[in-house]
N, C-alpha and C. Protein backbone atom coordinates (compact mmCIF):
# COMPACT_ATOMS: atom_id res chain seq x y z
N MET A 1 39.64 44.78 -6.50
CA MET A 1 40.88 44.70 -6.85
C MET A 1 41.90 44.73 -5.83
N ASN A 2 42.94 43.67 -6.23
CA ASN A 2 44.18 43.23 -5.64
C ASN A 2 45.73 44.50 -6.16
N LYS A 3 46.33 44.30 -5.50
CA LYS A 3 47.45 45.54 -5.80
C LYS A 3 47.73 45.15 -7.09
N SER A 4 48.09 44.40 -8.24
CA SER A 4 48.37 44.03 -9.08
C SER A 4 47.33 44.98 -10.54
N GLY A 5 46.24 44.77 -9.84
CA GLY A 5 45.39 45.54 -10.59
C GLY A 5 43.94 44.81 -11.15
N SER A 6 44.28 43.57 -10.64
CA SER A 6 43.37 42.10 -11.36
C SER A 6 42.29 42.17 -10.20
N PRO A 7 41.10 41.86 -11.19
CA PRO A 7 40.02 41.35 -9.94
C PRO A 7 40.17 40.31 -9.04
N THR A 8 39.76 40.72 -7.53
CA THR A 8 39.84 39.48 -6.28
C THR A 8 39.08 38.79 -6.45
N PRO A 9 39.39 37.65 -7.06
CA PRO A 9 38.65 36.26 -7.02
C PRO A 9 37.62 36.00 -5.53
N ALA A 10 36.39 35.79 -6.32
CA ALA A 10 35.40 35.59 -4.92
C ALA A 10 35.93 34.21 -3.80
N PRO A 11 35.50 34.43 -2.72
CA PRO A 11 35.73 33.50 -2.00
C PRO A 11 34.93 32.39 -2.48
N ALA A 12 35.67 31.11 -1.89
CA ALA A 12 35.13 29.71 -2.27
C ALA A 12 33.75 29.56 -1.96
N THR A 13 33.78 29.98 -0.80
CA THR A 13 32.43 29.64 0.29
C THR A 13 31.28 30.14 -0.50
N THR A 14 31.51 31.29 -1.16
CA THR A 14 30.45 32.10 -1.75
C THR A 14 30.07 31.39 -2.98
N ALA A 15 31.20 30.81 -4.10
CA ALA A 15 30.14 29.46 -4.73
C ALA A 15 29.61 28.77 -4.34
N ALA A 16 30.02 27.97 -3.38
CA ALA A 16 29.32 27.04 -2.65
C ALA A 16 28.23 27.13 -2.48
N ALA A 17 28.24 28.34 -1.89
CA ALA A 17 26.73 28.52 -1.09
C ALA A 17 25.61 28.89 -2.52
N GLY A 18 26.36 29.73 -3.31
CA GLY A 18 25.04 29.58 -4.65
C GLY A 18 24.87 28.24 -5.25
N ARG A 19 25.77 27.48 -5.11
CA ARG A 19 25.39 26.12 -5.85
C ARG A 19 24.33 25.30 -4.95
N ALA A 20 24.53 25.20 -3.64
CA ALA A 20 23.57 24.83 -2.59
C ALA A 20 22.56 25.42 -2.88
N SER A 21 22.51 26.93 -2.85
CA SER A 21 20.92 27.21 -3.01
C SER A 21 19.91 27.09 -4.02
N ARG A 22 20.98 26.78 -5.32
CA ARG A 22 19.96 26.41 -6.19
C ARG A 22 19.75 24.87 -6.29
N GLY A 23 20.01 24.09 -5.52
CA GLY A 23 19.57 22.91 -5.15
C GLY A 23 17.92 22.58 -4.84
N ARG A 24 17.37 21.35 -4.53
CA ARG A 24 16.56 20.61 -4.09
C ARG A 24 16.57 21.09 -2.51
N ARG A 25 15.34 21.34 -1.96
CA ARG A 25 15.65 21.21 -0.36
C ARG A 25 15.60 19.96 0.20
N ARG A 26 16.59 19.86 1.31
CA ARG A 26 17.57 18.83 1.88
C ARG A 26 16.20 18.81 3.04
N GLY A 27 16.16 17.64 3.95
CA GLY A 27 15.31 17.16 4.88
C GLY A 27 15.31 18.35 6.13
N SER A 28 13.93 18.60 6.62
CA SER A 28 13.90 19.61 7.86
C SER A 28 13.03 19.07 8.19
N PRO A 29 12.77 19.54 9.48
CA PRO A 29 11.74 19.25 10.47
C PRO A 29 9.95 19.08 9.95
N ASP A 30 9.95 20.10 8.72
CA ASP A 30 8.59 20.31 8.11
C ASP A 30 8.75 20.02 6.61
N THR A 31 10.00 18.91 6.50
CA THR A 31 10.01 18.53 4.94
C THR A 31 8.66 17.33 4.91
N ARG A 32 9.05 16.53 5.56
CA ARG A 32 7.91 15.18 5.97
C ARG A 32 6.76 15.58 5.65
N ALA A 33 6.10 16.42 6.59
CA ALA A 33 4.77 17.27 6.76
C ALA A 33 4.49 17.66 5.20
N GLN A 34 5.36 18.39 4.54
CA GLN A 34 4.96 19.10 3.46
C GLN A 34 5.03 17.79 2.06
N ILE A 35 5.69 17.11 2.28
CA ILE A 35 5.38 16.10 1.51
C ILE A 35 4.23 14.96 1.59
N LEU A 36 3.85 14.77 2.77
CA LEU A 36 2.71 14.49 3.09
C LEU A 36 1.56 15.38 2.82
N ALA A 37 1.46 16.40 2.75
CA ALA A 37 0.52 17.50 2.31
C ALA A 37 0.19 17.20 0.84
N VAL A 38 1.27 17.37 0.12
CA VAL A 38 1.39 16.99 -1.30
C VAL A 38 0.95 15.90 -1.70
N ALA A 39 1.48 14.80 -1.45
CA ALA A 39 1.08 13.61 -1.78
C ALA A 39 -0.05 13.48 -1.39
N ARG A 40 -1.09 13.58 -0.36
CA ARG A 40 -2.44 13.57 0.14
C ARG A 40 -3.19 13.86 -1.22
N GLY A 41 -3.05 15.37 -1.73
CA GLY A 41 -3.68 16.10 -2.82
C GLY A 41 -3.51 15.39 -4.10
N ARG A 42 -2.32 14.98 -4.25
CA ARG A 42 -1.96 14.13 -5.44
C ARG A 42 -2.61 12.90 -5.70
N PHE A 43 -2.85 12.21 -4.57
CA PHE A 43 -3.53 11.19 -4.25
C PHE A 43 -5.02 10.91 -4.62
N LEU A 44 -5.44 11.77 -4.14
CA LEU A 44 -7.01 12.29 -4.23
C LEU A 44 -7.26 12.78 -5.49
N ALA A 45 -6.40 13.48 -6.05
CA ALA A 45 -6.69 14.04 -7.30
C ALA A 45 -6.49 13.42 -8.70
N ASP A 46 -5.35 12.93 -8.65
CA ASP A 46 -4.79 11.89 -9.73
C ASP A 46 -5.07 10.34 -9.49
N GLY A 47 -5.60 9.65 -8.28
CA GLY A 47 -5.59 8.29 -8.08
C GLY A 47 -4.15 7.67 -8.07
N TYR A 48 -4.08 6.61 -7.29
CA TYR A 48 -2.83 5.95 -7.10
C TYR A 48 -2.02 5.72 -7.95
N ALA A 49 -2.53 5.20 -9.30
CA ALA A 49 -2.02 4.42 -10.32
C ALA A 49 -1.07 5.85 -10.84
N LYS A 50 -1.58 6.80 -11.23
CA LYS A 50 -0.89 8.39 -12.00
C LYS A 50 -0.05 8.49 -10.99
N VAL A 51 0.00 8.68 -10.03
CA VAL A 51 1.14 9.39 -9.19
C VAL A 51 2.31 8.57 -8.93
N THR A 52 3.39 9.82 -9.29
CA THR A 52 4.49 9.36 -9.07
C THR A 52 5.72 9.73 -8.10
N LEU A 53 6.63 9.23 -7.20
CA LEU A 53 7.46 9.68 -6.66
C LEU A 53 7.70 11.25 -6.86
N ARG A 54 8.60 10.99 -8.33
CA ARG A 54 8.94 12.21 -8.90
C ARG A 54 8.09 13.46 -9.08
N SER A 55 6.55 13.34 -9.30
CA SER A 55 5.70 14.26 -9.32
C SER A 55 5.58 14.70 -7.89
N ILE A 56 5.50 14.05 -7.12
CA ILE A 56 5.09 14.61 -5.57
C ILE A 56 6.54 15.28 -5.16
N ALA A 57 7.73 14.60 -5.36
CA ALA A 57 8.98 15.45 -5.30
C ALA A 57 8.69 16.96 -6.00
N ALA A 58 8.75 16.92 -7.43
CA ALA A 58 8.71 18.07 -7.79
C ALA A 58 7.93 19.25 -7.29
N GLU A 59 6.81 18.72 -6.94
CA GLU A 59 5.62 19.63 -6.27
C GLU A 59 6.18 20.23 -5.10
N ALA A 60 6.73 18.93 -4.04
CA ALA A 60 6.98 19.29 -2.40
C ALA A 60 8.32 20.19 -2.63
N ASP A 61 9.07 20.41 -4.26
CA ASP A 61 10.43 21.15 -4.22
C ASP A 61 11.38 20.11 -3.08
N VAL A 62 11.42 19.04 -3.52
CA VAL A 62 12.40 18.12 -2.45
C VAL A 62 12.84 17.25 -3.88
N ASP A 63 14.12 16.55 -3.50
CA ASP A 63 14.50 15.44 -4.28
C ASP A 63 13.68 14.16 -4.07
N ALA A 64 13.71 13.39 -5.49
CA ALA A 64 12.85 11.89 -4.99
C ALA A 64 13.62 11.24 -4.09
N ALA A 65 14.47 10.93 -3.88
CA ALA A 65 15.57 10.17 -3.05
C ALA A 65 15.22 10.42 -1.53
N LEU A 66 14.70 11.73 -1.51
CA LEU A 66 14.58 12.06 0.24
C LEU A 66 13.05 11.44 0.27
N ILE A 67 12.35 11.68 -0.38
CA ILE A 67 10.79 10.78 -0.25
C ILE A 67 11.31 9.18 0.06
N SER A 68 11.72 8.45 -1.10
CA SER A 68 12.33 7.26 -0.51
C SER A 68 12.97 6.90 0.88
N TYR A 69 13.66 8.25 1.29
CA TYR A 69 14.35 7.87 2.53
C TYR A 69 13.34 8.27 3.90
N PHE A 70 12.42 8.76 3.88
CA PHE A 70 11.11 8.94 4.67
C PHE A 70 10.27 7.94 4.40
N PHE A 71 9.98 7.45 3.46
CA PHE A 71 9.04 6.48 3.43
C PHE A 71 9.16 5.23 2.60
N GLY A 72 10.35 5.13 2.05
CA GLY A 72 10.61 3.90 1.36
C GLY A 72 10.11 3.06 0.29
N SER A 73 8.64 3.61 -0.29
CA SER A 73 8.20 3.40 -1.47
C SER A 73 6.94 4.06 -1.96
N LYS A 74 6.16 4.08 -2.51
CA LYS A 74 4.91 4.64 -2.94
C LYS A 74 3.96 4.17 -2.10
N LYS A 75 4.06 2.75 -1.63
CA LYS A 75 3.02 2.10 -0.80
C LYS A 75 3.25 2.49 0.35
N GLY A 76 4.47 2.86 1.10
CA GLY A 76 4.85 3.32 2.20
C GLY A 76 4.08 4.81 2.43
N LEU A 77 4.00 5.46 1.26
CA LEU A 77 3.83 6.94 1.51
C LEU A 77 2.45 6.63 1.51
N PHE A 78 1.54 6.23 0.83
CA PHE A 78 0.06 5.98 0.85
C PHE A 78 -0.56 5.88 2.16
N GLY A 79 0.35 4.86 2.82
CA GLY A 79 -0.15 4.26 4.00
C GLY A 79 0.44 5.72 4.84
N ALA A 80 1.15 6.37 5.04
CA ALA A 80 1.66 7.21 6.06
C ALA A 80 0.57 8.26 5.65
N VAL A 81 -0.08 9.00 4.44
CA VAL A 81 -0.86 9.36 4.01
C VAL A 81 -2.03 9.02 4.81
N LEU A 82 -2.47 8.15 4.77
CA LEU A 82 -3.38 7.67 5.43
C LEU A 82 -3.57 7.42 7.02
N GLY A 83 -2.38 7.40 7.69
CA GLY A 83 -1.88 7.93 9.17
C GLY A 83 -1.93 6.40 9.67
N LEU A 84 -1.70 5.68 8.73
CA LEU A 84 -1.55 4.01 9.31
C LEU A 84 -0.21 3.92 9.74
N MET A 85 -0.28 3.02 10.71
CA MET A 85 0.51 2.53 11.51
C MET A 85 0.80 0.76 10.69
N ALA A 86 0.03 0.22 9.95
CA ALA A 86 0.31 -0.81 9.11
C ALA A 86 -0.48 -0.99 7.89
N ASN A 87 0.30 -0.91 6.85
CA ASN A 87 -0.38 -0.50 5.30
C ASN A 87 -0.72 -1.91 4.67
N PRO A 88 -2.10 -2.27 4.49
CA PRO A 88 -2.40 -3.68 3.88
C PRO A 88 -1.59 -4.37 2.76
N PRO A 89 -1.04 -3.62 1.68
CA PRO A 89 -0.45 -4.04 0.69
C PRO A 89 1.06 -4.51 1.34
N ASP A 90 1.41 -3.57 2.37
CA ASP A 90 2.89 -4.39 2.69
C ASP A 90 2.57 -5.25 3.87
N VAL A 91 1.73 -5.25 4.30
CA VAL A 91 0.84 -6.81 4.88
C VAL A 91 1.11 -7.99 4.36
N LEU A 92 0.42 -7.87 3.01
CA LEU A 92 -0.01 -8.72 2.07
C LEU A 92 1.35 -9.24 1.72
N ALA A 93 2.59 -8.22 1.43
CA ALA A 93 3.81 -8.35 0.74
C ALA A 93 4.45 -9.46 1.29
N SER A 94 4.29 -9.19 2.87
CA SER A 94 5.03 -10.27 3.66
C SER A 94 4.84 -11.14 4.04
N ALA A 95 3.21 -11.70 3.33
CA ALA A 95 2.94 -12.90 3.75
C ALA A 95 2.97 -13.93 2.31
N LEU A 96 3.56 -13.22 1.66
CA LEU A 96 3.41 -13.96 0.07
C LEU A 96 4.70 -15.08 -0.11
N PRO A 97 5.93 -14.58 0.37
CA PRO A 97 6.96 -15.78 0.19
C PRO A 97 6.64 -16.82 1.07
N GLY A 98 6.91 -18.21 0.69
CA GLY A 98 6.54 -19.19 0.76
C GLY A 98 6.18 -20.35 0.58
N ASP A 99 5.88 -21.84 0.90
CA ASP A 99 4.70 -22.61 0.49
C ASP A 99 3.34 -22.13 -0.14
N PRO A 100 3.48 -22.45 -1.53
CA PRO A 100 2.10 -21.89 -2.16
C PRO A 100 0.84 -22.54 -1.57
N ALA A 101 1.23 -24.01 -1.02
CA ALA A 101 -0.03 -24.74 -0.30
C ALA A 101 -0.63 -23.94 0.54
N THR A 102 0.34 -23.52 1.59
CA THR A 102 -0.13 -22.61 2.86
C THR A 102 -0.41 -21.38 2.74
N LEU A 103 -0.45 -20.44 1.37
CA LEU A 103 -0.20 -19.48 1.31
C LEU A 103 -1.90 -18.61 1.64
N PRO A 104 -3.16 -19.49 1.75
CA PRO A 104 -4.30 -18.32 2.20
C PRO A 104 -4.18 -18.73 4.13
N GLU A 105 -3.39 -19.55 4.66
CA GLU A 105 -3.33 -19.53 6.04
C GLU A 105 -2.46 -18.17 6.88
N ARG A 106 -1.47 -18.52 5.72
CA ARG A 106 -0.22 -16.83 5.94
C ARG A 106 -0.87 -15.49 5.86
N VAL A 107 -1.51 -15.23 4.55
CA VAL A 107 -2.41 -14.12 4.37
C VAL A 107 -3.25 -13.77 5.39
N LEU A 108 -3.98 -14.92 5.63
CA LEU A 108 -5.25 -14.59 6.76
C LEU A 108 -4.49 -14.12 8.10
N ARG A 109 -3.67 -15.11 8.64
CA ARG A 109 -3.15 -14.86 9.93
C ARG A 109 -2.33 -13.45 9.80
N ALA A 110 -1.74 -13.14 8.79
CA ALA A 110 -1.08 -11.69 8.54
C ALA A 110 -2.08 -10.58 8.87
N MET A 111 -3.06 -10.51 8.18
CA MET A 111 -4.38 -9.86 8.12
C MET A 111 -5.31 -9.85 9.64
N LEU A 112 -5.12 -10.86 10.19
CA LEU A 112 -5.99 -10.81 11.39
C LEU A 112 -5.25 -10.67 12.24
N GLY A 113 -3.69 -10.67 12.45
CA GLY A 113 -2.85 -10.25 13.40
C GLY A 113 -3.07 -8.81 13.24
N THR A 114 -2.86 -8.11 11.98
CA THR A 114 -2.66 -6.69 11.81
C THR A 114 -4.07 -5.84 12.41
N TRP A 115 -5.20 -6.54 11.86
CA TRP A 115 -6.65 -5.87 12.35
C TRP A 115 -6.46 -6.24 13.96
N ASP A 116 -6.68 -7.48 14.20
CA ASP A 116 -6.57 -7.31 15.69
C ASP A 116 -5.78 -6.60 16.83
N ASP A 117 -4.49 -6.32 16.38
CA ASP A 117 -3.94 -5.15 16.75
C ASP A 117 -4.58 -4.13 17.78
N PRO A 118 -4.10 -3.87 18.97
CA PRO A 118 -5.01 -2.74 19.57
C PRO A 118 -4.84 -1.45 18.81
N GLU A 119 -3.38 -1.08 18.27
CA GLU A 119 -2.86 0.09 17.90
C GLU A 119 -3.14 0.19 16.72
N ARG A 120 -3.04 -0.84 15.79
CA ARG A 120 -3.22 -0.57 14.22
C ARG A 120 -4.71 -1.02 13.78
N GLY A 121 -5.19 -2.05 14.34
CA GLY A 121 -6.77 -2.13 13.84
C GLY A 121 -7.47 -1.13 13.72
N PRO A 122 -7.44 -0.23 15.01
CA PRO A 122 -8.73 1.09 14.97
C PRO A 122 -8.35 1.61 13.74
N GLN A 123 -6.91 2.07 13.18
CA GLN A 123 -6.77 2.82 12.29
C GLN A 123 -7.14 2.35 11.29
N LEU A 124 -7.20 0.86 10.74
CA LEU A 124 -7.68 0.14 9.83
C LEU A 124 -8.97 0.53 9.49
N ILE A 125 -9.77 0.25 10.53
CA ILE A 125 -11.05 0.18 10.52
C ILE A 125 -11.94 1.74 10.50
N PHE A 126 -11.18 2.74 10.65
CA PHE A 126 -11.48 4.03 10.57
C PHE A 126 -11.32 4.30 8.95
N MET A 127 -10.33 3.94 8.52
CA MET A 127 -10.18 4.04 7.00
C MET A 127 -10.85 3.58 6.30
N VAL A 128 -11.58 2.30 6.48
CA VAL A 128 -12.39 1.66 6.11
C VAL A 128 -13.86 2.33 5.97
N ARG A 129 -14.31 2.78 7.13
CA ARG A 129 -15.37 3.57 7.36
C ARG A 129 -15.45 4.84 6.66
N ALA A 130 -14.05 5.27 6.65
CA ALA A 130 -13.97 6.84 5.93
C ALA A 130 -14.27 6.50 4.52
N ALA A 131 -13.90 5.36 3.80
CA ALA A 131 -13.91 5.37 2.52
C ALA A 131 -15.23 4.82 2.22
N THR A 132 -16.37 4.22 3.02
CA THR A 132 -17.69 4.21 2.79
C THR A 132 -18.45 5.55 2.70
N GLN A 133 -17.85 6.81 3.22
CA GLN A 133 -18.35 8.21 3.08
C GLN A 133 -17.77 9.11 2.28
N ASP A 134 -16.62 8.74 1.74
CA ASP A 134 -16.00 9.24 0.76
C ASP A 134 -15.91 8.70 -0.73
N ALA A 135 -16.36 9.56 -1.93
CA ALA A 135 -16.37 9.01 -3.02
C ALA A 135 -14.80 8.72 -3.48
N GLU A 136 -13.68 9.85 -3.10
CA GLU A 136 -12.49 9.77 -3.72
C GLU A 136 -11.67 8.97 -3.08
N LEU A 137 -11.99 8.73 -1.39
CA LEU A 137 -11.13 7.79 -0.89
C LEU A 137 -11.45 6.81 -1.47
N THR A 138 -13.09 6.18 -1.54
CA THR A 138 -13.16 5.03 -2.06
C THR A 138 -12.52 4.58 -3.43
N ARG A 139 -12.17 5.35 -4.36
CA ARG A 139 -11.76 5.24 -5.44
C ARG A 139 -10.16 5.10 -5.16
N LEU A 140 -9.79 5.86 -4.51
CA LEU A 140 -8.64 5.88 -4.32
C LEU A 140 -8.03 4.16 -3.60
N LEU A 141 -8.97 3.94 -2.70
CA LEU A 141 -8.49 2.37 -2.06
C LEU A 141 -8.69 1.45 -3.14
N ARG A 142 -10.04 1.81 -3.81
CA ARG A 142 -9.92 0.39 -4.73
C ARG A 142 -9.04 0.54 -5.87
N ASP A 143 -8.50 1.30 -6.02
CA ASP A 143 -7.06 1.60 -7.09
C ASP A 143 -5.81 0.78 -6.43
N VAL A 144 -5.60 0.85 -5.19
CA VAL A 144 -4.68 0.51 -4.63
C VAL A 144 -5.05 -1.13 -4.39
N ILE A 145 -5.68 -1.43 -3.94
CA ILE A 145 -6.07 -2.88 -3.55
C ILE A 145 -6.18 -3.69 -4.85
N GLY A 146 -6.34 -2.76 -6.09
CA GLY A 146 -6.47 -3.61 -7.27
C GLY A 146 -5.02 -3.59 -7.83
N ARG A 147 -4.35 -2.85 -7.68
CA ARG A 147 -3.14 -2.92 -8.06
C ARG A 147 -2.27 -3.74 -7.59
N GLU A 148 -2.13 -3.29 -6.25
CA GLU A 148 -0.62 -3.50 -4.94
C GLU A 148 -1.55 -5.09 -4.25
N MET A 149 -2.68 -5.41 -4.62
CA MET A 149 -2.56 -6.61 -3.71
C MET A 149 -3.27 -7.67 -4.66
N ILE A 150 -4.70 -7.32 -5.41
CA ILE A 150 -4.99 -8.39 -6.06
C ILE A 150 -4.30 -8.49 -7.21
N ASP A 151 -3.56 -7.47 -7.85
CA ASP A 151 -2.54 -7.74 -9.37
C ASP A 151 -1.58 -8.71 -8.60
N ARG A 152 -0.75 -8.35 -7.34
CA ARG A 152 0.41 -8.78 -6.95
C ARG A 152 0.15 -10.72 -6.54
N ILE A 153 -1.32 -10.75 -5.92
CA ILE A 153 -1.86 -12.07 -6.08
C ILE A 153 -1.52 -12.99 -6.98
N ALA A 154 -2.28 -12.18 -8.28
CA ALA A 154 -2.40 -12.93 -9.32
C ALA A 154 -1.12 -13.10 -10.37
N GLU A 155 -0.06 -12.57 -9.72
CA GLU A 155 1.44 -12.40 -10.31
C GLU A 155 1.98 -13.59 -9.30
N HIS A 156 2.26 -13.63 -8.45
CA HIS A 156 2.41 -14.85 -7.32
C HIS A 156 1.97 -15.89 -7.48
N VAL A 157 0.72 -16.51 -8.07
CA VAL A 157 0.20 -17.65 -7.93
C VAL A 157 0.38 -18.12 -9.25
N GLY A 158 0.27 -17.11 -10.67
CA GLY A 158 0.54 -17.24 -11.63
C GLY A 158 -0.75 -18.57 -12.31
N GLY A 159 -0.47 -19.06 -13.73
CA GLY A 159 -1.40 -19.71 -14.26
C GLY A 159 -2.84 -19.05 -15.03
N PRO A 160 -3.51 -19.64 -15.69
CA PRO A 160 -4.72 -19.62 -16.35
C PRO A 160 -5.67 -18.79 -15.33
N GLY A 161 -6.02 -18.06 -15.59
CA GLY A 161 -7.24 -17.18 -15.09
C GLY A 161 -6.25 -17.04 -13.49
N ALA A 162 -5.25 -16.46 -13.21
CA ALA A 162 -4.75 -16.01 -12.27
C ALA A 162 -5.40 -14.61 -11.61
N GLY A 163 -5.54 -13.74 -12.62
CA GLY A 163 -6.58 -12.46 -12.12
C GLY A 163 -7.88 -12.83 -11.36
N HIS A 164 -9.01 -13.61 -12.05
CA HIS A 164 -10.10 -14.12 -11.68
C HIS A 164 -9.84 -14.68 -10.32
N ARG A 165 -9.08 -15.71 -10.36
CA ARG A 165 -8.81 -16.11 -8.88
C ARG A 165 -8.37 -15.44 -7.62
N ALA A 166 -7.61 -14.67 -8.32
CA ALA A 166 -6.76 -13.69 -7.01
C ALA A 166 -8.05 -12.89 -6.96
N ALA A 167 -8.88 -12.37 -7.60
CA ALA A 167 -10.15 -11.44 -7.38
C ALA A 167 -10.72 -12.02 -6.57
N ALA A 168 -11.30 -13.49 -6.63
CA ALA A 168 -12.30 -13.88 -5.83
C ALA A 168 -11.42 -14.34 -4.37
N PHE A 169 -10.28 -14.49 -4.23
CA PHE A 169 -9.73 -14.59 -3.04
C PHE A 169 -9.53 -13.27 -2.32
N GLY A 170 -9.44 -12.24 -3.03
CA GLY A 170 -9.45 -11.13 -2.33
C GLY A 170 -10.77 -10.32 -1.75
N ALA A 171 -12.15 -11.02 -2.61
CA ALA A 171 -13.13 -10.88 -2.41
C ALA A 171 -13.59 -11.65 -1.01
N GLN A 172 -13.22 -12.82 -0.90
CA GLN A 172 -13.29 -13.59 0.32
C GLN A 172 -12.79 -12.97 1.64
N LEU A 173 -11.39 -12.50 1.62
CA LEU A 173 -10.58 -11.77 2.50
C LEU A 173 -11.26 -10.55 2.73
N ALA A 174 -11.77 -9.72 2.06
CA ALA A 174 -12.50 -8.18 2.31
C ALA A 174 -13.88 -8.91 2.90
N GLY A 175 -14.55 -10.04 2.62
CA GLY A 175 -15.80 -10.40 3.36
C GLY A 175 -15.43 -10.56 4.87
N VAL A 176 -14.13 -11.15 4.88
CA VAL A 176 -14.01 -11.60 6.13
C VAL A 176 -13.88 -10.42 7.31
N ILE A 177 -12.70 -9.51 6.89
CA ILE A 177 -12.39 -8.00 7.11
C ILE A 177 -13.87 -7.28 7.48
N PHE A 178 -14.73 -6.94 6.64
CA PHE A 178 -15.61 -6.39 6.69
C PHE A 178 -16.99 -6.96 7.88
N SER A 179 -16.85 -8.33 7.59
CA SER A 179 -17.77 -8.67 8.57
C SER A 179 -17.37 -8.82 9.94
N ARG A 180 -16.06 -8.91 10.20
CA ARG A 180 -15.64 -9.32 11.67
C ARG A 180 -15.18 -7.58 12.22
N TYR A 181 -14.82 -6.83 11.80
CA TYR A 181 -14.29 -5.50 12.05
C TYR A 181 -15.38 -4.74 11.90
N ILE A 182 -15.94 -4.48 11.04
CA ILE A 182 -16.98 -3.32 10.45
C ILE A 182 -18.41 -3.59 10.89
N LEU A 183 -18.74 -4.71 10.69
CA LEU A 183 -20.19 -4.92 11.13
C LEU A 183 -20.05 -5.80 12.36
N ALA A 184 -19.04 -6.34 12.74
CA ALA A 184 -18.91 -7.48 13.81
C ALA A 184 -19.88 -8.19 14.32
N VAL A 185 -20.00 -9.13 12.96
CA VAL A 185 -21.38 -10.09 12.77
C VAL A 185 -20.44 -11.27 13.59
N GLU A 186 -21.45 -11.62 14.70
CA GLU A 186 -21.25 -12.69 15.50
C GLU A 186 -21.79 -14.16 14.68
N PRO A 187 -21.10 -15.24 15.02
CA PRO A 187 -19.89 -15.11 15.83
C PRO A 187 -18.29 -15.10 14.95
N LEU A 188 -18.53 -14.67 13.96
CA LEU A 188 -17.06 -13.98 13.28
C LEU A 188 -16.31 -12.93 14.09
N ALA A 189 -16.92 -11.98 14.47
CA ALA A 189 -16.72 -11.22 15.83
C ALA A 189 -15.89 -11.72 16.73
N SER A 190 -16.42 -13.21 17.36
CA SER A 190 -15.64 -13.50 18.90
C SER A 190 -14.83 -14.48 18.55
N MET A 191 -14.41 -15.21 17.08
CA MET A 191 -13.92 -16.32 16.92
C MET A 191 -12.51 -15.90 16.69
N THR A 192 -11.48 -16.89 17.30
CA THR A 192 -9.96 -16.61 17.63
C THR A 192 -9.60 -16.63 16.06
N ALA A 193 -8.46 -16.06 16.07
CA ALA A 193 -7.71 -16.25 14.84
C ALA A 193 -7.30 -17.56 14.11
N ASP A 194 -7.03 -18.45 15.07
CA ASP A 194 -6.62 -20.09 14.67
C ASP A 194 -8.04 -20.47 14.43
N GLU A 195 -8.88 -20.33 14.75
CA GLU A 195 -10.80 -20.83 14.61
C GLU A 195 -11.02 -20.28 13.35
N LEU A 196 -10.89 -18.82 12.89
CA LEU A 196 -10.93 -18.17 11.49
C LEU A 196 -10.04 -19.02 10.12
N VAL A 197 -9.11 -19.14 10.80
CA VAL A 197 -8.14 -19.91 9.79
C VAL A 197 -8.48 -21.39 9.62
N GLU A 198 -8.99 -21.91 10.62
CA GLU A 198 -9.19 -23.40 10.09
C GLU A 198 -10.62 -23.28 9.56
N ALA A 199 -11.10 -22.54 9.94
CA ALA A 199 -12.61 -22.49 9.05
C ALA A 199 -12.63 -22.16 7.77
N LEU A 200 -11.66 -20.88 7.34
CA LEU A 200 -11.93 -20.13 6.10
C LEU A 200 -10.88 -20.93 5.12
N ALA A 201 -9.63 -20.96 5.61
CA ALA A 201 -8.41 -21.24 4.95
C ALA A 201 -8.64 -22.44 3.70
N PRO A 202 -9.42 -23.70 3.92
CA PRO A 202 -9.76 -24.47 2.80
C PRO A 202 -10.24 -23.86 1.70
N GLY A 203 -11.65 -23.35 1.95
CA GLY A 203 -12.33 -22.61 1.09
C GLY A 203 -11.60 -21.50 0.13
N MET A 204 -10.59 -20.66 0.71
CA MET A 204 -10.12 -19.85 0.26
C MET A 204 -8.90 -20.26 -0.87
N ARG A 205 -8.30 -21.33 -0.23
CA ARG A 205 -7.41 -22.49 -1.24
C ARG A 205 -8.12 -22.64 -2.56
N ALA A 206 -9.08 -23.27 -2.30
CA ALA A 206 -9.95 -23.87 -3.35
C ALA A 206 -10.36 -22.54 -4.48
N VAL A 207 -10.49 -21.58 -3.90
CA VAL A 207 -10.61 -20.62 -4.77
C VAL A 207 -9.39 -20.06 -5.58
N LEU A 208 -8.26 -20.17 -5.03
CA LEU A 208 -7.28 -19.57 -5.42
C LEU A 208 -6.54 -20.76 -6.47
N TYR A 209 -6.59 -21.82 -5.90
CA TYR A 209 -5.92 -22.99 -7.03
C TYR A 209 -6.82 -23.62 -7.69
N ARG A 210 -7.96 -23.39 -7.71
CA ARG A 210 -8.86 -24.53 -8.42
C ARG A 210 -8.56 -24.71 -9.45
N ARG A 211 -9.20 -26.18 -9.94
CA ARG A 211 -8.74 -27.07 -11.19
C ARG A 211 -9.46 -26.62 -12.26
N PRO A 212 -9.09 -26.46 -13.30
CA PRO A 212 -10.24 -25.77 -14.75
C PRO A 212 -10.79 -27.05 -14.63
N ARG A 213 -12.60 -27.22 -15.06
CA ARG A 213 -13.34 -27.76 -15.17
C ARG A 213 -12.98 -28.83 -16.40
N PRO A 214 -13.48 -29.99 -16.63
CA PRO A 214 -13.23 -30.45 -17.83
C PRO A 214 -14.12 -30.11 -18.73
N PRO A 215 -13.74 -30.44 -20.09
CA PRO A 215 -14.68 -30.05 -21.11
C PRO A 215 -16.05 -30.94 -21.02
N PHE A 216 -17.23 -30.22 -21.30
CA PHE A 216 -18.47 -30.85 -21.23
C PHE A 216 -18.59 -31.83 -22.49
N ARG A 217 -18.96 -32.95 -22.38
CA ARG A 217 -19.33 -34.01 -23.11
C ARG A 217 -20.90 -34.37 -23.52
N ARG A 218 -21.44 -34.32 -24.54
CA ARG A 218 -22.20 -34.61 -24.56
C ARG A 218 -22.70 -35.96 -24.67
N THR A 219 -23.57 -36.98 -24.26
CA THR A 219 -24.04 -38.23 -24.10
C THR A 219 -25.02 -38.15 -25.25
N MET A 220 -24.94 -39.51 -25.75
CA MET A 220 -26.03 -39.87 -26.91
C MET A 220 -27.13 -40.75 -26.06
């Protein structure tokens, strides 16, 4: 009470502190780790497609904008969850812009450069090997490859049968990765990136941009 008998107003700092305490948690040394822990559980439980940044933010009790600040996007968050220094969908996205005629060369060089890297490559190899032993991780990676790689390639090239062409292109690329880095099949394992691009790009281009077959005509 003041001298006039009226209630003394609460200090402004008290009200501000109350408002701050009701908001979502801001960034802290442990916030990033908490987001990653929640995201890993959600990705494995629900799959890549169903998980949203908002759902992760709600469970981690942070603002969704904070996740974007730390990881950039859902793809970036997924890459961080896997502990990768290079996320395959992001590597692909960087190779898509440019002349359509040389798209296979760009994608091959981007992927080979990433997998050949002495720091990033071993983590990617570990990811693939882990997926072959973990059904949940296999499902998760399959979902990401389908939505963030195959679908993106199909959207980029467009035209009739784009989905099938993109899937065949992806299968060729996966075959190269698996044969060269997982099984270490020779001479693929020892070939240079230039040699692989020269040998493989024409076939990958033929699959990606194949012309439709003319209708069959029966001769009398």
